[in-house]
N, C-alpha and C. Protein backbone atom coordinates (compact mmCIF):
# COMPACT_ATOMS: atom_id res chain seq x y z
N MET A 1 69.47 35.42 -28.47
CA MET A 1 68.84 34.25 -27.40
C MET A 1 68.04 33.86 -27.80
N LYS A 2 68.11 32.42 -27.37
CA LYS A 2 66.75 31.69 -27.63
C LYS A 2 66.13 31.60 -26.46
N GLU A 3 64.38 31.57 -26.37
CA GLU A 3 63.86 31.35 -25.15
C GLU A 3 63.09 30.03 -24.93
N ILE A 4 63.54 29.80 -23.74
CA ILE A 4 63.10 28.34 -23.58
C ILE A 4 61.61 28.55 -22.46
N LEU A 5 61.01 27.50 -23.68
CA LEU A 5 59.56 27.52 -23.08
C LEU A 5 59.25 26.58 -21.90
N SER A 6 58.49 26.96 -20.97
CA SER A 6 58.22 26.14 -19.67
C SER A 6 57.04 25.29 -20.05
N LEU A 7 57.16 24.29 -19.63
CA LEU A 7 56.06 23.14 -19.95
C LEU A 7 55.07 23.51 -18.76
N TYR A 8 55.09 24.04 -17.82
CA TYR A 8 54.07 24.61 -17.06
C TYR A 8 53.23 25.94 -16.96
N SER A 9 54.23 26.76 -17.70
CA SER A 9 53.63 28.23 -17.91
C SER A 9 52.19 28.63 -18.72
N VAL A 10 51.69 29.65 -18.06
CA VAL A 10 50.59 30.28 -18.65
C VAL A 10 50.85 31.03 -20.17
N PRO A 11 50.15 30.52 -20.95
CA PRO A 11 50.53 31.48 -22.20
C PRO A 11 49.98 32.92 -21.81
N GLU A 12 51.01 34.05 -21.96
CA GLU A 12 50.37 35.22 -22.32
C GLU A 12 48.54 35.81 -22.84
N GLY A 13 48.61 35.12 -24.03
CA GLY A 13 47.09 35.49 -24.44
C GLY A 13 46.10 35.16 -23.67
N GLN A 14 45.09 35.51 -23.40
CA GLN A 14 44.51 35.54 -22.38
C GLN A 14 43.13 35.01 -23.32
N SER A 15 42.63 33.53 -22.62
CA SER A 15 41.57 33.21 -23.49
C SER A 15 40.12 33.16 -22.87
N LYS A 16 38.88 32.98 -23.53
CA LYS A 16 37.85 33.72 -22.57
C LYS A 16 36.94 33.22 -23.23
N TYR A 17 35.87 32.28 -22.08
CA TYR A 17 34.67 31.47 -22.63
C TYR A 17 33.64 32.72 -22.50
N VAL A 18 33.12 32.15 -23.89
CA VAL A 18 31.79 33.13 -24.06
C VAL A 18 30.81 32.14 -24.19
N GLU A 19 29.87 32.10 -22.76
CA GLU A 19 28.46 31.35 -22.75
C GLU A 19 27.23 31.88 -23.99
N GLU A 20 27.02 31.14 -25.08
CA GLU A 20 25.95 31.49 -25.44
C GLU A 20 24.48 31.80 -24.53
N PRO A 21 23.87 32.70 -24.99
CA PRO A 21 22.57 32.99 -24.45
C PRO A 21 21.68 31.63 -24.36
N ARG A 22 20.40 31.59 -23.35
CA ARG A 22 19.95 30.73 -23.69
C ARG A 22 18.69 30.89 -24.54
N THR A 23 18.64 30.09 -25.13
CA THR A 23 17.21 30.08 -26.47
C THR A 23 15.67 29.86 -25.38
N GLN A 24 15.25 30.55 -25.58
CA GLN A 24 13.26 30.09 -25.55
C GLN A 24 13.19 28.73 -25.20
N LEU A 25 13.62 27.96 -26.01
CA LEU A 25 13.37 26.49 -25.73
C LEU A 25 13.59 25.92 -24.62
N GLU A 26 15.46 26.23 -24.34
CA GLU A 26 15.80 26.14 -23.24
C GLU A 26 15.49 26.61 -22.08
N GLU A 27 14.84 27.63 -22.27
CA GLU A 27 14.38 28.27 -20.83
C GLU A 27 12.98 27.22 -20.85
N SER A 28 12.01 27.41 -21.56
CA SER A 28 11.25 26.68 -21.48
C SER A 28 10.91 25.21 -20.51
N ILE A 29 12.12 24.27 -21.47
CA ILE A 29 12.65 22.98 -20.76
C ILE A 29 13.17 23.10 -19.43
N SER A 30 13.83 24.29 -19.02
CA SER A 30 14.30 24.01 -17.52
C SER A 30 13.13 24.47 -16.70
N HIS A 31 12.59 25.64 -16.99
CA HIS A 31 11.03 25.54 -16.19
C HIS A 31 10.07 24.34 -16.25
N LEU A 32 9.94 23.30 -17.34
CA LEU A 32 9.67 22.39 -16.90
C LEU A 32 10.10 21.15 -16.25
N ARG A 33 11.32 21.48 -16.20
CA ARG A 33 11.67 20.01 -15.61
C ARG A 33 12.29 20.86 -14.06
N GLN A 34 11.72 22.15 -13.85
CA GLN A 34 11.75 22.13 -12.15
C GLN A 34 10.79 22.01 -11.84
N TYR A 35 9.27 22.49 -12.87
CA TYR A 35 7.60 21.91 -12.20
C TYR A 35 7.89 20.47 -11.88
N CYS A 36 8.43 19.67 -13.01
CA CYS A 36 8.15 18.08 -12.63
C CYS A 36 9.22 17.78 -11.93
N GLU A 37 9.74 18.15 -11.21
CA GLU A 37 10.77 17.69 -10.23
C GLU A 37 10.47 16.81 -8.94
N PRO A 38 9.45 17.72 -8.00
CA PRO A 38 8.75 16.86 -6.87
C PRO A 38 7.99 15.88 -7.25
N TYR A 39 7.64 15.61 -8.26
CA TYR A 39 6.72 14.71 -9.12
C TYR A 39 7.70 13.56 -9.44
N THR A 40 8.35 13.74 -10.20
CA THR A 40 9.67 12.56 -10.40
C THR A 40 9.96 12.16 -9.36
N SER A 41 10.60 12.91 -8.56
CA SER A 41 11.27 12.51 -7.23
C SER A 41 10.29 11.55 -6.45
N TRP A 42 8.71 12.13 -6.35
CA TRP A 42 7.85 11.37 -5.91
C TRP A 42 7.89 10.01 -6.18
N CYS A 43 7.48 10.08 -7.82
CA CYS A 43 7.76 8.42 -8.20
C CYS A 43 9.01 7.90 -8.22
N GLN A 44 10.11 8.51 -8.36
CA GLN A 44 11.10 7.79 -7.99
C GLN A 44 11.05 6.75 -6.63
N GLU A 45 11.03 7.51 -5.87
CA GLU A 45 10.85 6.91 -4.16
C GLU A 45 9.89 6.22 -4.16
N THR A 46 8.59 6.00 -4.70
CA THR A 46 7.45 5.29 -4.90
C THR A 46 7.97 3.75 -5.70
N TYR A 47 8.34 4.49 -6.60
CA TYR A 47 8.95 2.46 -7.21
C TYR A 47 10.20 1.94 -6.43
N SER A 48 11.29 2.91 -5.97
CA SER A 48 12.04 2.20 -4.73
C SER A 48 11.61 1.45 -3.85
N GLN A 49 10.06 1.83 -3.33
CA GLN A 49 9.58 1.31 -2.17
C GLN A 49 8.62 -0.12 -2.83
N THR A 50 8.26 0.09 -4.02
CA THR A 50 7.15 -0.84 -4.36
C THR A 50 7.95 -1.64 -4.94
N GLU A 51 9.33 -1.51 -5.46
CA GLU A 51 9.77 -2.61 -6.32
C GLU A 51 10.03 -3.89 -5.88
N PRO A 52 10.77 -4.02 -4.91
CA PRO A 52 11.15 -4.98 -3.81
C PRO A 52 9.47 -5.98 -3.89
N LYS A 53 8.52 -5.02 -3.33
CA LYS A 53 7.31 -5.79 -3.01
C LYS A 53 6.63 -6.74 -4.42
N MET A 54 6.90 -6.00 -5.79
CA MET A 54 6.55 -6.78 -6.69
C MET A 54 7.43 -7.78 -7.03
N GLN A 55 8.72 -7.18 -7.00
CA GLN A 55 9.93 -8.80 -7.21
C GLN A 55 9.55 -10.02 -6.28
N SER A 56 8.95 -9.94 -5.14
CA SER A 56 8.52 -10.93 -4.16
C SER A 56 7.45 -11.48 -5.01
N LEU A 57 6.22 -10.21 -5.38
CA LEU A 57 4.77 -11.07 -6.28
C LEU A 57 5.31 -11.86 -6.99
N VAL A 58 5.94 -11.06 -7.97
CA VAL A 58 6.19 -12.03 -9.32
C VAL A 58 6.98 -13.19 -8.77
N GLN A 59 7.56 -13.51 -7.70
CA GLN A 59 8.29 -14.88 -7.32
C GLN A 59 7.35 -15.65 -7.02
N TRP A 60 6.40 -15.15 -6.19
CA TRP A 60 5.46 -15.98 -5.57
C TRP A 60 4.40 -16.23 -6.74
N GLY A 61 3.89 -15.85 -7.85
CA GLY A 61 3.33 -16.44 -8.81
C GLY A 61 4.07 -16.74 -9.88
N LEU A 62 5.43 -17.00 -9.83
CA LEU A 62 5.92 -18.20 -10.51
C LEU A 62 6.41 -19.25 -9.72
N ASP A 63 6.56 -19.30 -8.44
CA ASP A 63 6.56 -20.66 -7.58
C ASP A 63 4.81 -21.08 -7.87
N SER A 64 3.80 -20.28 -7.51
CA SER A 64 2.48 -21.06 -7.67
C SER A 64 2.19 -21.56 -8.46
N TYR A 65 2.80 -21.07 -9.81
CA TYR A 65 2.90 -21.77 -10.91
C TYR A 65 3.70 -22.91 -11.31
N GLU A 66 4.91 -23.19 -10.66
CA GLU A 66 5.23 -24.31 -10.52
C GLU A 66 4.77 -25.21 -9.97
N TYR A 67 4.40 -24.99 -8.84
CA TYR A 67 3.46 -26.01 -7.67
C TYR A 67 1.96 -26.62 -8.82
N LEU A 68 1.42 -25.71 -9.01
CA LEU A 68 0.13 -25.99 -9.97
C LEU A 68 0.73 -26.89 -11.29
N GLN A 69 1.87 -27.05 -11.49
CA GLN A 69 2.14 -27.65 -12.61
C GLN A 69 2.71 -29.10 -12.39
N ASN A 70 3.37 -28.90 -11.37
CA ASN A 70 3.70 -30.69 -10.07
C ASN A 70 2.63 -30.80 -9.32
N ALA A 71 1.24 -30.27 -9.51
CA ALA A 71 0.41 -30.30 -8.28
C ALA A 71 0.46 -31.74 -7.82
N PRO A 72 -0.06 -32.22 -6.45
CA PRO A 72 0.06 -33.29 -5.99
C PRO A 72 -1.26 -33.80 -6.39
N PRO A 73 -1.58 -35.37 -6.46
CA PRO A 73 -2.69 -36.12 -6.99
C PRO A 73 -3.89 -35.57 -6.01
N GLY A 74 -4.99 -35.26 -6.34
CA GLY A 74 -6.03 -35.07 -6.06
C GLY A 74 -6.26 -33.60 -5.51
N PHE A 75 -5.42 -32.39 -5.71
CA PHE A 75 -5.23 -31.02 -5.38
C PHE A 75 -5.85 -30.34 -6.52
N LEU A 76 -5.93 -30.75 -7.67
CA LEU A 76 -6.94 -29.93 -8.38
C LEU A 76 -8.51 -29.96 -8.16
N PRO A 77 -8.84 -31.19 -8.08
CA PRO A 77 -10.37 -31.50 -7.77
C PRO A 77 -10.96 -30.57 -6.36
N ARG A 78 -9.90 -30.79 -5.55
CA ARG A 78 -10.16 -29.88 -4.17
C ARG A 78 -9.95 -28.52 -4.64
N LEU A 79 -9.13 -27.99 -5.27
CA LEU A 79 -9.51 -26.99 -5.60
C LEU A 79 -10.88 -26.02 -6.47
N GLY A 80 -11.12 -26.95 -7.14
CA GLY A 80 -12.37 -26.96 -8.24
C GLY A 80 -13.35 -26.92 -7.52
N VAL A 81 -13.53 -27.79 -6.30
CA VAL A 81 -14.46 -27.71 -5.27
C VAL A 81 -14.93 -26.62 -4.21
N ILE A 82 -13.88 -25.88 -4.04
CA ILE A 82 -13.26 -24.95 -3.06
C ILE A 82 -13.72 -23.82 -3.90
N GLY A 83 -13.65 -23.76 -5.19
CA GLY A 83 -13.58 -22.59 -6.21
C GLY A 83 -15.41 -22.50 -6.40
N PHE A 84 -15.85 -23.72 -6.65
CA PHE A 84 -17.13 -24.00 -7.07
C PHE A 84 -17.85 -23.34 -5.27
N ALA A 85 -17.40 -23.55 -4.45
CA ALA A 85 -18.15 -23.38 -3.24
C ALA A 85 -18.45 -21.77 -3.02
N GLY A 86 -17.23 -21.17 -3.76
CA GLY A 86 -17.47 -19.56 -3.61
C GLY A 86 -18.55 -18.75 -4.74
N VAL A 87 -18.36 -19.78 -5.54
CA VAL A 87 -19.35 -19.22 -6.80
C VAL A 87 -20.80 -19.57 -6.49
N VAL A 88 -21.04 -20.92 -5.84
CA VAL A 88 -22.54 -21.05 -5.07
C VAL A 88 -22.67 -19.46 -4.23
N GLY A 89 -21.73 -19.53 -3.24
CA GLY A 89 -21.75 -18.30 -2.17
C GLY A 89 -21.94 -17.20 -2.96
N LEU A 90 -21.77 -17.08 -4.29
CA LEU A 90 -22.16 -15.44 -5.03
C LEU A 90 -23.56 -15.76 -5.46
N LEU A 91 -23.50 -16.82 -5.79
CA LEU A 91 -24.98 -16.55 -6.74
C LEU A 91 -26.08 -16.67 -5.28
N LEU A 92 -25.74 -17.26 -4.55
CA LEU A 92 -26.79 -16.96 -3.29
C LEU A 92 -26.97 -15.73 -2.35
N ALA A 93 -25.84 -14.85 -2.98
CA ALA A 93 -25.69 -13.74 -2.32
C ALA A 93 -26.41 -12.59 -2.73
N ARG A 94 -27.36 -12.71 -4.01
CA ARG A 94 -27.73 -11.61 -4.65
C ARG A 94 -28.26 -10.60 -4.03
N GLY A 95 -28.52 -9.40 -4.35
CA GLY A 95 -29.04 -8.47 -4.00
C GLY A 95 -28.26 -7.03 -2.32
N SER A 96 -27.66 -7.76 -1.60
CA SER A 96 -26.80 -7.42 -0.72
C SER A 96 -25.50 -7.18 -0.85
N LYS A 97 -24.91 -6.39 -0.30
CA LYS A 97 -23.61 -6.04 -0.69
C LYS A 97 -22.74 -6.73 0.46
N ILE A 98 -23.32 -6.72 1.55
CA ILE A 98 -22.61 -7.45 2.60
C ILE A 98 -22.87 -8.74 2.54
N LYS A 99 -24.05 -9.52 1.62
CA LYS A 99 -23.96 -11.18 1.41
C LYS A 99 -22.47 -11.16 0.53
N LYS A 100 -22.69 -10.30 -0.40
CA LYS A 100 -21.29 -10.64 -1.43
C LYS A 100 -20.41 -10.86 -0.59
N LEU A 101 -19.71 -9.97 0.22
CA LEU A 101 -18.82 -9.78 0.76
C LEU A 101 -18.64 -11.16 1.99
N VAL A 102 -19.90 -11.91 2.84
CA VAL A 102 -19.74 -12.62 3.49
C VAL A 102 -19.71 -13.93 2.78
N TYR A 103 -20.48 -14.19 2.07
CA TYR A 103 -21.38 -15.33 1.65
C TYR A 103 -19.80 -16.44 1.19
N PRO A 104 -19.27 -15.99 -0.13
CA PRO A 104 -18.35 -16.52 -0.91
C PRO A 104 -17.12 -16.91 0.03
N PRO A 105 -16.85 -15.86 0.70
CA PRO A 105 -15.61 -16.60 1.53
C PRO A 105 -16.02 -17.50 2.44
N SER A 106 -17.15 -17.26 3.41
CA SER A 106 -17.95 -18.56 4.07
C SER A 106 -17.72 -19.36 3.54
N PHE A 107 -18.44 -19.87 2.56
CA PHE A 107 -18.37 -21.01 1.88
C PHE A 107 -17.19 -21.72 1.20
N MET A 108 -16.17 -21.10 0.99
CA MET A 108 -15.01 -21.48 0.22
C MET A 108 -14.43 -22.09 1.76
N GLY A 109 -14.14 -21.42 2.91
CA GLY A 109 -13.64 -21.64 3.77
C GLY A 109 -14.64 -23.72 4.68
N LEU A 110 -16.05 -23.08 4.38
CA LEU A 110 -16.29 -24.16 4.59
C LEU A 110 -15.94 -25.36 3.84
N ALA A 111 -16.24 -25.37 2.53
CA ALA A 111 -15.61 -26.18 1.67
C ALA A 111 -14.06 -26.63 2.09
N ALA A 112 -12.76 -25.75 2.41
CA ALA A 112 -11.97 -25.75 2.68
C ALA A 112 -11.70 -26.73 3.74
N SER A 113 -12.08 -25.78 4.89
CA SER A 113 -12.30 -27.09 6.09
C SER A 113 -12.50 -28.69 5.93
N LEU A 114 -13.26 -28.96 4.96
CA LEU A 114 -13.83 -30.47 4.46
C LEU A 114 -12.52 -31.06 4.41
N TYR A 115 -11.35 -30.58 3.74
CA TYR A 115 -10.71 -30.82 2.72
C TYR A 115 -9.35 -31.07 3.47
N TYR A 116 -9.10 -29.75 4.33
CA TYR A 116 -7.98 -29.64 5.26
C TYR A 116 -8.48 -29.21 6.45
N PRO A 117 -8.91 -30.22 7.18
CA PRO A 117 -9.18 -29.96 8.63
C PRO A 117 -8.39 -29.79 9.59
N GLN A 118 -7.17 -30.11 10.01
CA GLN A 118 -5.77 -29.21 11.06
C GLN A 118 -5.56 -28.03 10.69
N GLN A 119 -5.64 -27.85 9.36
CA GLN A 119 -5.87 -26.17 8.87
C GLN A 119 -6.59 -25.38 9.20
N ALA A 120 -7.77 -25.97 9.39
CA ALA A 120 -9.04 -25.23 9.71
C ALA A 120 -9.09 -24.77 11.16
N ILE A 121 -8.38 -25.84 11.80
CA ILE A 121 -8.73 -25.58 12.97
C ILE A 121 -7.94 -24.45 13.58
N ILE A 122 -6.37 -24.90 13.24
CA ILE A 122 -5.47 -23.69 13.33
C ILE A 122 -5.51 -22.56 13.01
N PHE A 123 -6.26 -22.53 11.67
CA PHE A 123 -7.21 -20.80 11.46
C PHE A 123 -8.01 -19.83 12.58
N ALA A 124 -8.80 -21.12 12.54
CA ALA A 124 -9.81 -20.70 13.39
C ALA A 124 -9.53 -20.15 14.66
N GLN A 125 -8.64 -20.91 15.35
CA GLN A 125 -8.03 -20.66 16.77
C GLN A 125 -7.20 -18.86 16.32
N VAL A 126 -6.42 -18.87 15.66
CA VAL A 126 -5.71 -17.56 15.41
C VAL A 126 -6.53 -16.36 15.11
N SER A 127 -7.50 -16.90 14.47
CA SER A 127 -8.30 -16.08 13.74
C SER A 127 -9.65 -15.37 15.13
N GLY A 128 -9.49 -16.76 15.87
CA GLY A 128 -10.89 -16.07 17.13
C GLY A 128 -9.93 -15.16 18.33
N GLU A 129 -8.68 -15.73 18.14
CA GLU A 129 -7.41 -14.59 19.39
C GLU A 129 -7.61 -13.20 18.61
N LYS A 130 -7.26 -13.46 17.32
CA LYS A 130 -7.36 -11.78 16.72
C LYS A 130 -8.51 -11.06 16.52
N LEU A 131 -9.59 -11.70 16.18
CA LEU A 131 -11.02 -11.21 16.56
C LEU A 131 -11.01 -10.48 18.08
N TYR A 132 -10.63 -11.45 19.02
CA TYR A 132 -10.99 -11.02 20.59
C TYR A 132 -9.96 -9.86 20.51
N ASP A 133 -8.71 -9.67 20.23
CA ASP A 133 -7.95 -8.84 20.20
C ASP A 133 -8.74 -7.37 19.86
N TRP A 134 -8.96 -7.52 19.00
CA TRP A 134 -9.69 -6.35 17.93
C TRP A 134 -10.81 -6.06 18.53
N GLY A 135 -11.43 -7.16 19.53
CA GLY A 135 -12.74 -6.43 20.16
C GLY A 135 -12.41 -5.64 21.46
N LEU A 136 -11.49 -5.74 22.03
CA LEU A 136 -10.74 -5.78 23.19
C LEU A 136 -10.28 -3.93 22.79
N ARG A 137 -9.36 -3.96 21.66
CA ARG A 137 -8.88 -2.63 21.36
C ARG A 137 -10.29 -1.50 21.22
N GLY A 138 -11.23 -2.56 20.76
CA GLY A 138 -12.31 -1.53 20.19
C GLY A 138 -13.04 -0.85 21.48
N TYR A 139 -13.25 -1.90 22.31
CA TYR A 139 -13.73 -1.67 23.43
C TYR A 139 -13.32 -0.42 24.76
N ILE A 140 -11.78 -0.83 24.45
CA ILE A 140 -11.08 0.11 25.02
C ILE A 140 -11.35 1.52 24.62
N VAL A 141 -11.28 1.83 23.48
CA VAL A 141 -11.32 2.87 22.75
C VAL A 141 -12.63 3.34 23.26
N ILE A 142 -13.17 2.91 22.67
CA ILE A 142 -15.09 3.44 22.82
C ILE A 142 -15.17 3.75 24.66
N GLU A 143 -14.78 2.98 25.55
CA GLU A 143 -14.61 3.34 26.84
C GLU A 143 -13.77 5.00 27.01
N ASP A 144 -13.07 4.86 26.23
CA ASP A 144 -11.98 6.33 26.62
C ASP A 144 -12.88 7.38 26.05
N LEU A 145 -13.64 7.19 24.97
CA LEU A 145 -14.00 8.24 24.43
C LEU A 145 -15.34 8.65 25.04
N TRP A 146 -15.92 7.53 25.75
CA TRP A 146 -17.12 8.05 26.44
C TRP A 146 -16.60 8.05 28.01
N LYS A 147 -15.58 8.11 28.58
CA LYS A 147 -14.94 8.87 29.66
C LYS A 147 -14.76 10.38 29.42
N GLU A 148 -14.26 10.98 28.07
CA GLU A 148 -13.67 11.92 28.10
C GLU A 148 -15.19 12.93 27.54
N ASN A 149 -16.08 12.22 26.70
CA ASN A 149 -17.27 12.84 26.45
C ASN A 149 -18.47 13.31 27.29
N PHE A 150 -18.41 12.16 27.94
CA PHE A 150 -19.73 11.92 28.74
C PHE A 150 -20.01 11.97 29.81
N GLN A 151 -18.32 11.37 30.84
CA GLN A 151 -18.57 11.56 32.12
C GLN A 151 -17.71 13.33 32.39
N LYS A 152 -17.84 14.15 31.91
CA LYS A 152 -17.13 14.80 32.50
C LYS A 152 -18.65 15.71 33.53
N PRO A 153 -17.86 16.11 34.71
CA PRO A 153 -18.63 16.45 35.48
C PRO A 153 -20.06 17.64 35.64
N GLY A 154 -19.85 18.46 34.81
CA GLY A 154 -20.85 19.13 34.13
C GLY A 154 -21.94 18.58 33.35
N ASN A 155 -21.36 17.22 32.29
CA ASN A 155 -22.50 16.46 31.67
C ASN A 155 -23.52 15.54 32.41
N VAL A 156 -23.33 15.24 33.20
CA VAL A 156 -23.67 14.16 34.55
C VAL A 156 -25.12 14.64 34.87
N LYS A 157 -25.91 14.33 34.53
CA LYS A 157 -27.40 14.21 34.94
C LYS A 157 -27.83 14.19 36.32
N ASN A 158 -27.45 13.15 36.90
CA ASN A 158 -27.50 12.33 38.42
C ASN A 158 -26.53 12.86 39.73
N SER A 159 -25.58 13.94 39.15
CA SER A 159 -24.21 13.78 39.86
C SER A 159 -25.37 14.32 41.27
N PRO A 160 -24.50 14.73 42.29
CA PRO A 160 -24.92 15.36 43.64
C PRO A 160 -25.38 16.81 43.51
N GLY A 161 -24.72 17.02 42.64
CA GLY A 161 -24.87 18.90 42.43
C GLY A 161 -26.14 19.46 41.51
N ASN A 162 -26.44 18.49 40.69
CA ASN A 162 -27.63 18.84 39.70
C ASN A 162 -29.22 18.21 40.74
N LYS A 163 -29.25 18.08 41.42
CA LYS A 163 -30.59 17.32 42.02
C LYS A 163 -31.50 18.42 42.48
């Protein structure tokens, strides 16, 4: 009799997959990958966070380049005067690191305010408000620290119990 073979039957002979043992090189690479995994994941996370910022920075640079290629008349001489004011501020700030931080931006701001007075007024108003806000926050923090550390009942010298 003819035996009919089913298309879906499993052959009787059992096949067995034998995995070869890992070599010393494969083991070393596995350990290296496990050791480096936290660092590579950190790098990937940092890259994913900085990539959009870098893309916007590149776009800003391309836009700036395009603007400077088609600059309005009189823009480049103004830019030169403002830059020269910064160099003069740097030259006058010899010796002191604080002067080197303060003079060049101040001189550049002064030169820019001569060419762009409306923007200088707006900038001064906004900066003044922010400086006032920062000063107020600093005052509140110092006041809280003073009350916590120096206004305790045992620390006050002129309290009624210490006379």
